[in-house]
PDB file of N, CA and C in Angstrom:
ATOM      1  N   MET A   1       7.669   7.595   8.049  1.00  0.00           N
ATOM      2  CA  MET A   1       6.291   7.242   7.701  1.00  0.00           C
ATOM      3  C   MET A   1       5.516   8.461   7.186  1.00  0.00           C
ATOM      4  N   HIS A   2       6.234   9.442   6.666  1.00  0.00           N
ATOM      5  CA  HIS A   2       5.545  10.635   6.172  1.00  0.00           C
ATOM      6  C   HIS A   2       4.706  10.335   4.942  1.00  0.00           C
ATOM      7  N   TRP A   3       5.038   9.256   4.219  1.00  0.00           N
ATOM      8  CA  TRP A   3       4.261   8.923   3.017  1.00  0.00           C
ATOM      9  C   TRP A   3       2.849   8.489   3.381  1.00  0.00           C
ATOM     10  N   VAL A   4       2.671   7.982   4.607  1.00  0.00           N
ATOM     11  CA  VAL A   4       1.327   7.606   5.050  1.00  0.00           C
ATOM     12  C   VAL A   4       0.463   8.859   5.183  1.00  0.00           C
ATOM     13  N   ALA A   5       1.057   9.931   5.705  1.00  0.00           N
ATOM     14  CA  ALA A   5       0.315  11.186   5.835  1.00  0.00           C
ATOM     15  C   ALA A   5      -0.038  11.750   4.463  1.00  0.00           C
ATOM     16  N   VAL A   6       0.907  11.669   3.526  1.00  0.00           N
ATOM     17  CA  VAL A   6       0.647  12.136   2.165  1.00  0.00           C
ATOM     18  C   VAL A   6      -0.483  11.323   1.540  1.00  0.00           C
ATOM     19  N   LEU A   7      -0.433  10.011   1.737  1.00  0.00           N
ATOM     20  CA  LEU A   7      -1.460   9.122   1.196  1.00  0.00           C
ATOM     21  C   LEU A   7      -2.832   9.456   1.788  1.00  0.00           C
ATOM     22  N   ALA A   8      -2.867   9.681   3.099  1.00  0.00           N
ATOM     23  CA  ALA A   8      -4.132  10.030   3.747  1.00  0.00           C
ATOM     24  C   ALA A   8      -4.667  11.356   3.211  1.00  0.00           C
ATOM     25  N   PHE A   9      -3.768  12.310   3.007  1.00  0.00           N
ATOM     26  CA  PHE A   9      -4.180  13.606   2.473  1.00  0.00           C
ATOM     27  C   PHE A   9      -4.764  13.458   1.072  1.00  0.00           C
ATOM     28  N   LEU A  10      -4.092  12.674   0.219  1.00  0.00           N
ATOM     29  CA  LEU A  10      -4.591  12.460  -1.144  1.00  0.00           C
ATOM     30  C   LEU A  10      -5.955  11.791  -1.134  1.00  0.00           C
ATOM     31  N   CYS A  11      -6.120  10.793  -0.259  1.00  0.00           N
ATOM     32  CA  CYS A  11      -7.405  10.099  -0.173  1.00  0.00           C
ATOM     33  C   CYS A  11      -8.496  11.058   0.288  1.00  0.00           C
ATOM     34  N   GLU A  12      -8.162  11.877   1.282  1.00  0.00           N
ATOM     35  CA  GLU A  12      -9.136  12.835   1.797  1.00  0.00           C
ATOM     36  C   GLU A  12      -9.549  13.813   0.704  1.00  0.00           C
ATOM     37  N   ARG A  13      -8.573  14.303  -0.052  1.00  0.00           N
ATOM     38  CA  ARG A  13      -8.852  15.230  -1.145  1.00  0.00           C
ATOM     39  C   ARG A  13      -9.709  14.547  -2.220  1.00  0.00           C
ATOM     40  N   ALA A  14      -9.371  13.309  -2.538  1.00  0.00           N
ATOM     41  CA  ALA A  14     -10.092  12.605  -3.598  1.00  0.00           C
ATOM     42  C   ALA A  14     -11.551  12.381  -3.206  1.00  0.00           C
ATOM     43  N   PHE A  15     -11.784  11.976  -1.954  1.00  0.00           N
ATOM     44  CA  PHE A  15     -13.151  11.706  -1.527  1.00  0.00           C
ATOM     45  C   PHE A  15     -13.931  12.996  -1.303  1.00  0.00           C
ATOM     46  N   ALA A  16     -13.242  14.058  -0.843  1.00  0.00           N
ATOM     47  CA  ALA A  16     -13.924  15.323  -0.587  1.00  0.00           C
ATOM     48  C   ALA A  16     -14.365  15.974  -1.899  1.00  0.00           C
ATOM     49  N   ALA A  17     -13.532  15.841  -2.942  1.00  0.00           N
ATOM     50  CA  ALA A  17     -13.854  16.468  -4.218  1.00  0.00           C
ATOM     51  C   ALA A  17     -15.004  15.751  -4.920  1.00  0.00           C
ATOM     52  N   GLY A  18     -15.107  14.452  -4.681  1.00  0.00           N
ATOM     53  CA  GLY A  18     -16.197  13.686  -5.288  1.00  0.00           C
ATOM     54  C   GLY A  18     -16.068  13.628  -6.805  1.00  0.00           C
ATOM     55  N   ASP A  19     -17.121  14.033  -7.507  1.00  0.00           N
ATOM     56  CA  ASP A  19     -17.136  13.951  -8.971  1.00  0.00           C
ATOM     57  C   ASP A  19     -16.213  14.964  -9.630  1.00  0.00           C
ATOM     58  N   GLU A  20     -15.789  15.967  -8.872  1.00  0.00           N
ATOM     59  CA  GLU A  20     -14.912  16.985  -9.459  1.00  0.00           C
ATOM     60  C   GLU A  20     -13.483  16.485  -9.634  1.00  0.00           C
ATOM     61  N   THR A  21     -13.159  15.357  -8.989  1.00  0.00           N
ATOM     62  CA  THR A  21     -11.799  14.829  -9.062  1.00  0.00           C
ATOM     63  C   THR A  21     -11.527  14.314 -10.473  1.00  0.00           C
ATOM     64  N   PRO A  22     -10.421  14.720 -11.092  1.00  0.00           N
ATOM     65  CA  PRO A  22     -10.062  14.162 -12.395  1.00  0.00           C
ATOM     66  C   PRO A  22      -9.815  12.663 -12.284  1.00  0.00           C
ATOM     67  N   PRO A  23     -10.162  11.896 -13.313  1.00  0.00           N
ATOM     68  CA  PRO A  23      -9.963  10.439 -13.259  1.00  0.00           C
ATOM     69  C   PRO A  23      -8.502  10.071 -12.997  1.00  0.00           C
ATOM     70  N   PHE A  24      -7.574  10.870 -13.533  1.00  0.00           N
ATOM     71  CA  PHE A  24      -6.162  10.555 -13.352  1.00  0.00           C
ATOM     72  C   PHE A  24      -5.777  10.597 -11.880  1.00  0.00           C
ATOM     73  N   LEU A  25      -6.257  11.622 -11.161  1.00  0.00           N
ATOM     74  CA  LEU A  25      -5.942  11.736  -9.738  1.00  0.00           C
ATOM     75  C   LEU A  25      -6.511  10.558  -8.962  1.00  0.00           C
ATOM     76  N   GLY A  26      -7.711  10.155  -9.328  1.00  0.00           N
ATOM     77  CA  GLY A  26      -8.303   8.990  -8.674  1.00  0.00           C
ATOM     78  C   GLY A  26      -7.498   7.732  -8.924  1.00  0.00           C
ATOM     79  N   MET A  27      -7.024   7.556 -10.154  1.00  0.00           N
ATOM     80  CA  MET A  27      -6.215   6.383 -10.481  1.00  0.00           C
ATOM     81  C   MET A  27      -4.901   6.400  -9.710  1.00  0.00           C
ATOM     82  N   VAL A  28      -4.283   7.577  -9.612  1.00  0.00           N
ATOM     83  CA  VAL A  28      -3.027   7.691  -8.864  1.00  0.00           C
ATOM     84  C   VAL A  28      -3.254   7.369  -7.391  1.00  0.00           C
ATOM     85  N   THR A  29      -4.354   7.873  -6.835  1.00  0.00           N
ATOM     86  CA  THR A  29      -4.658   7.609  -5.426  1.00  0.00           C
ATOM     87  C   THR A  29      -4.872   6.130  -5.187  1.00  0.00           C
ATOM     88  N   VAL A  30      -5.638   5.482  -6.055  1.00  0.00           N
ATOM     89  CA  VAL A  30      -5.876   4.044  -5.919  1.00  0.00           C
ATOM     90  C   VAL A  30      -4.560   3.276  -6.062  1.00  0.00           C
ATOM     91  N   GLY A  31      -3.731   3.694  -7.011  1.00  0.00           N
ATOM     92  CA  GLY A  31      -2.435   3.036  -7.192  1.00  0.00           C
ATOM     93  C   GLY A  31      -1.560   3.171  -5.960  1.00  0.00           C
ATOM     94  N   LEU A  32      -1.542   4.371  -5.366  1.00  0.00           N
ATOM     95  CA  LEU A  32      -0.750   4.572  -4.148  1.00  0.00           C
ATOM     96  C   LEU A  32      -1.285   3.733  -2.998  1.00  0.00           C
ATOM     97  N   LEU A  33      -2.603   3.653  -2.890  1.00  0.00           N
ATOM     98  CA  LEU A  33      -3.193   2.830  -1.840  1.00  0.00           C
ATOM     99  C   LEU A  33      -2.803   1.364  -2.005  1.00  0.00           C
ATOM    100  N   LEU A  34      -2.926   0.857  -3.234  1.00  0.00           N
ATOM    101  CA  LEU A  34      -2.574  -0.535  -3.481  1.00  0.00           C
ATOM    102  C   LEU A  34      -1.099  -0.787  -3.217  1.00  0.00           C
ATOM    103  N   THR A  35      -0.247   0.160  -3.623  1.00  0.00           N
ATOM    104  CA  THR A  35       1.184   0.016  -3.385  1.00  0.00           C
ATOM    105  C   THR A  35       1.481  -0.013  -1.890  1.00  0.00           C
ATOM    106  N   ALA A  36       0.849   0.895  -1.151  1.00  0.00           N
ATOM    107  CA  ALA A  36       1.075   0.937   0.295  1.00  0.00           C
ATOM    108  C   ALA A  36       0.590  -0.339   0.967  1.00  0.00           C
ATOM    109  N   LEU A  37      -0.586  -0.812   0.578  1.00  0.00           N
ATOM    110  CA  LEU A  37      -1.111  -2.041   1.170  1.00  0.00           C
ATOM    111  C   LEU A  37      -0.216  -3.235   0.839  1.00  0.00           C
ATOM    112  N   THR A  38       0.234  -3.307  -0.418  1.00  0.00           N
ATOM    113  CA  THR A  38       1.117  -4.393  -0.809  1.00  0.00           C
ATOM    114  C   THR A  38       2.406  -4.351   0.005  1.00  0.00           C
ATOM    115  N   TYR A  39       2.952  -3.146   0.174  1.00  0.00           N
ATOM    116  CA  TYR A  39       4.188  -2.988   0.935  1.00  0.00           C
ATOM    117  C   TYR A  39       3.981  -3.400   2.392  1.00  0.00           C
ATOM    118  N   ILE A  40       2.874  -2.931   2.994  1.00  0.00           N
ATOM    119  CA  ILE A  40       2.597  -3.223   4.400  1.00  0.00           C
ATOM    120  C   ILE A  40       2.400  -4.725   4.608  1.00  0.00           C
ATOM    121  N   VAL A  41       1.728  -5.382   3.656  1.00  0.00           N
ATOM    122  CA  VAL A  41       1.456  -6.814   3.807  1.00  0.00           C
ATOM    123  C   VAL A  41       2.676  -7.646   3.432  1.00  0.00           C
ATOM    124  N   PHE A  42       3.374  -7.260   2.358  1.00  0.00           N
ATOM    125  CA  PHE A  42       4.406  -8.128   1.791  1.00  0.00           C
ATOM    126  C   PHE A  42       5.694  -8.111   2.590  1.00  0.00           C
ATOM    127  N   VAL A  43       6.113  -6.952   3.071  1.00  0.00           N
ATOM    128  CA  VAL A  43       7.421  -6.862   3.728  1.00  0.00           C
ATOM    129  C   VAL A  43       7.494  -7.724   4.988  1.00  0.00           C
ATOM    130  N   PRO A  44       6.514  -7.672   5.903  1.00  0.00           N
ATOM    131  CA  PRO A  44       6.614  -8.561   7.069  1.00  0.00           C
ATOM    132  C   PRO A  44       6.502 -10.037   6.692  1.00  0.00           C
ATOM    133  N   THR A  45       5.641 -10.365   5.721  1.00  0.00           N
ATOM    134  CA  THR A  45       5.466 -11.780   5.372  1.00  0.00           C
ATOM    135  C   THR A  45       6.685 -12.324   4.644  1.00  0.00           C
ATOM    136  N   ARG A  46       7.458 -11.454   3.969  1.00  0.00           N
ATOM    137  CA  ARG A  46       8.660 -11.914   3.282  1.00  0.00           C
ATOM    138  C   ARG A  46       9.640 -12.517   4.284  1.00  0.00           C
ATOM    139  N   GLY A  47       9.787 -11.855   5.438  1.00  0.00           N
ATOM    140  CA  GLY A  47      10.664 -12.386   6.484  1.00  0.00           C
ATOM    141  C   GLY A  47      10.144 -13.714   7.009  1.00  0.00           C
ATOM    142  N   LEU A  48       8.832 -13.814   7.184  1.00  0.00           N
ATOM    143  CA  LEU A  48       8.246 -15.066   7.669  1.00  0.00           C
ATOM    144  C   LEU A  48       8.447 -16.190   6.662  1.00  0.00           C
ATOM    145  N   ILE A  49       8.306 -15.867   5.369  1.00  0.00           N
ATOM    146  CA  ILE A  49       8.487 -16.882   4.338  1.00  0.00           C
ATOM    147  C   ILE A  49       9.927 -17.391   4.344  1.00  0.00           C
ATOM    148  N   ARG A  50      10.897 -16.484   4.515  1.00  0.00           N
ATOM    149  CA  ARG A  50      12.305 -16.908   4.582  1.00  0.00           C
ATOM    150  C   ARG A  50      12.539 -17.842   5.754  1.00  0.00           C
ATOM    151  N   ILE A  51      11.966 -17.508   6.914  1.00  0.00           N
ATOM    152  CA  ILE A  51      12.132 -18.350   8.100  1.00  0.00           C
ATOM    153  C   ILE A  51      11.513 -19.727   7.847  1.00  0.00           C
ATOM    154  N   LEU A  52      10.315 -19.749   7.253  1.00  0.00           N
ATOM    155  CA  LEU A  52       9.658 -21.029   6.973  1.00  0.00           C
ATOM    156  C   LEU A  52      10.470 -21.860   5.990  1.00  0.00           C
ATOM    157  N   LEU A  53      11.035 -21.211   4.957  1.00  0.00           N
ATOM    158  CA  LEU A  53      11.842 -21.955   3.992  1.00  0.00           C
ATOM    159  C   LEU A  53      13.081 -22.549   4.660  1.00  0.00           C
ATOM    160  N   ARG A  54      13.698 -21.804   5.562  1.00  0.00           N
ATOM    161  CA  ARG A  54      14.867 -22.335   6.267  1.00  0.00           C
ATOM    162  C   ARG A  54      14.471 -23.533   7.121  1.00  0.00           C
ATOM    163  N   LEU A  55      13.322 -23.447   7.794  1.00  0.00           N
ATOM    164  CA  LEU A  55      12.866 -24.560   8.621  1.00  0.00           C
ATOM    165  C   LEU A  55      12.592 -25.792   7.766  1.00  0.00           C
ATOM    166  N   VAL A  56      11.995 -25.571   6.588  1.00  0.00           N
ATOM    167  CA  VAL A  56      11.694 -26.706   5.704  1.00  0.00           C
ATOM    168  C   VAL A  56      12.979 -27.341   5.204  1.00  0.00           C
ATOM    169  N   ARG A  57      13.987 -26.533   4.898  1.00  0.00           N
ATOM    170  CA  ARG A  57      15.254 -27.082   4.418  1.00  0.00           C
ATOM    171  C   ARG A  57      15.962 -27.883   5.499  1.00  0.00           C
ATOM    172  N   LEU A  58      15.817 -27.466   6.746  1.00  0.00           N
ATOM    173  CA  LEU A  58      16.506 -28.162   7.837  1.00  0.00           C
ATOM    174  C   LEU A  58      15.917 -29.540   8.096  1.00  0.00           C
ATOM    175  N   THR A  59      14.631 -29.714   7.851  1.00  0.00           N
ATOM    176  CA  THR A  59      14.002 -31.003   8.142  1.00  0.00           C
ATOM    177  C   THR A  59      14.213 -31.993   7.026  1.00  0.00           C
TER     178      THR A  59
END
C-alpha cells in the first residue's frame, strides 16, 4: 500500500503549493486520485457482482 502514501504526498504538495502548482501536476494528481478511488471501489464490488451473477444463474 505504499502507493497510498505517494498519493497522499502528491496531494499534500499540490494543495500546499496552491497557485504555484503547474496545471500538469494538478491533472496528474487528480488522475491518480480518480484511479485510486476507482480501484478501491471497483475491485471489491467486482467480486460481489460475480457472486450475484452466479446466484442469478442458479435460480
